[in-house]
Structure formats: C-alpha cells, structure tokens
Amino acid sequence: MTQQPAGLDDPDYARFAWGRFRHLLSWMTVVAAICVGAVIVVMAHLQGPLHIVTMAAIIGGVGGSVMLAGLLMGLVFLSSGSGHDEDVERID
C-alpha cells in the first residue's frame, strides 16, 4: 500500500494551495492600490501638486509595504495549511 504524498508534494493539493496563495495576493494588490491612491489624494490635498518622484516614493513605500505584508501573510497561511509546519516537528 503506497501512501499519498502530503502537503505540497501532492500535485493536486499544491495546485490548490498555490492558487489560493495567488488569489490572496491578487486581493492584496487591490488593497495596496487603494491605499496608494488614498495616500496620494490626501498628500496632494495637504501639500498641493505632487512631483512624480514623490508619487513614485509613495507607490514604493506604501504599496511595497502592503504587498510585502500580504506576501508574508500568504506564505504563513500556505506553510500552515499545507502541513509544512508539522513536518518540522516530525523526525524520520
């Protein structure tokens, strides 16, 4: 009797898990775009017209931070949901 591979070693489950991860990242991209847009609007209201460098810094800083947080959060969910966290405790 052969045992099915666990977690991401199983191709069907890996496809499902990575699809869920990409879905989470797509939503975080939308959230990042909304945050960047809101910060640009607020700063333009407070400071007046913004230079392109200022907008690029906002996109990199705010958008990059939100995307990095979403990426790390998604990887934690992927690791926990696929059983990789439990594999660390298992000694062969």
Protein backbone atom coordinates (compact mmCIF):
# COMPACT_ATOMS: atom_id res chain seq x y z
CA MET A 1 0.00 0.00 0.00
CA THR A 2 1.52 3.30 -1.09
CA GLN A 3 0.96 6.44 0.87
CA GLN A 4 -0.08 9.62 -0.93
CA PRO A 5 2.43 12.45 -0.66
CA ALA A 6 1.47 15.02 1.95
CA GLY A 7 1.17 18.76 1.61
CA LEU A 8 2.74 20.45 -1.37
CA ASP A 9 4.30 17.17 -2.53
CA ASP A 10 0.84 16.19 -3.75
CA PRO A 11 0.42 17.86 -7.17
CA ASP A 12 -3.34 18.34 -6.82
CA TYR A 13 -3.09 19.92 -3.39
CA ALA A 14 -0.10 22.02 -4.46
CA ARG A 15 -2.13 23.41 -7.37
CA PHE A 16 -4.98 24.24 -4.98
CA ALA A 17 -2.70 25.79 -2.33
CA TRP A 18 -0.73 27.95 -4.78
CA GLY A 19 -3.98 29.04 -6.42
CA ARG A 20 -5.28 30.14 -3.03
CA PHE A 21 -1.98 31.98 -2.43
CA ARG A 22 -2.25 33.80 -5.78
CA HIS A 23 -5.87 34.68 -5.01
CA LEU A 24 -4.82 36.22 -1.69
CA LEU A 25 -2.04 38.16 -3.42
CA SER A 26 -4.45 39.47 -6.05
CA TRP A 27 -6.69 40.85 -3.30
CA MET A 28 -3.68 42.37 -1.55
CA THR A 29 -2.74 44.08 -4.82
CA VAL A 30 -6.18 45.70 -4.91
CA VAL A 31 -5.81 46.77 -1.26
CA ALA A 32 -2.33 48.18 -1.97
CA ALA A 33 -3.63 50.16 -4.96
CA ILE A 34 -6.46 51.60 -2.86
CA CYS A 35 -4.02 52.56 -0.07
CA VAL A 36 -1.61 54.17 -2.54
CA GLY A 37 -4.43 56.10 -4.19
CA ALA A 38 -5.75 57.31 -0.83
CA VAL A 39 -2.31 58.46 0.33
CA ILE A 40 -1.66 60.30 -2.94
CA VAL A 41 -5.04 62.05 -2.74
CA VAL A 42 -4.53 63.06 0.90
CA MET A 43 -0.97 64.27 0.31
CA ALA A 44 -2.00 66.20 -2.80
CA HIS A 45 -4.77 67.83 -0.79
CA LEU A 46 -2.39 68.78 2.04
CA GLN A 47 0.74 69.63 0.03
CA GLY A 48 -0.61 70.74 -3.33
CA PRO A 49 0.55 69.23 -6.63
CA LEU A 50 2.97 66.34 -6.14
CA HIS A 51 6.11 65.70 -8.15
CA ILE A 52 6.49 62.39 -9.97
CA VAL A 53 9.32 61.42 -7.62
CA THR A 54 7.03 61.92 -4.62
CA MET A 55 4.35 59.73 -6.20
CA ALA A 56 6.93 57.06 -7.04
CA ALA A 57 8.11 57.12 -3.42
CA ILE A 58 4.53 56.72 -2.21
CA ILE A 59 3.96 53.82 -4.59
CA GLY A 60 7.19 52.14 -3.49
CA GLY A 61 6.81 52.82 0.20
CA VAL A 62 3.10 52.35 0.83
CA GLY A 63 2.40 49.89 -1.98
CA GLY A 64 5.57 47.92 -1.33
CA SER A 65 4.85 47.68 2.40
CA VAL A 66 1.28 46.49 1.88
CA MET A 67 2.37 43.96 -0.75
CA LEU A 68 5.22 42.67 1.43
CA ALA A 69 2.84 42.24 4.37
CA GLY A 70 0.38 40.38 2.13
CA LEU A 71 3.12 38.18 0.69
CA LEU A 72 4.44 37.19 4.10
CA MET A 73 0.93 36.63 5.46
CA GLY A 74 0.12 34.44 2.44
CA LEU A 75 3.28 32.39 2.90
CA VAL A 76 2.43 31.82 6.57
CA PHE A 77 -1.04 30.59 5.56
CA LEU A 78 0.47 28.42 2.80
CA SER A 79 3.00 26.88 5.18
CA SER A 80 0.44 26.22 7.90
CA GLY A 81 -2.27 24.97 5.56
CA SER A 82 -0.02 22.59 3.63
CA GLY A 83 1.38 20.85 6.70
CA HIS A 84 4.92 22.16 6.39
CA ASP A 85 4.77 23.48 9.97
CA GLU A 86 4.06 19.98 11.25
CA ASP A 87 6.80 18.45 9.06
CA VAL A 88 9.41 20.39 11.02
CA GLU A 89 8.47 18.56 14.23
CA ARG A 90 8.46 15.12 12.59
CA ILE A 91 11.80 13.35 12.84
CA ASP A 92 12.43 10.46 10.47
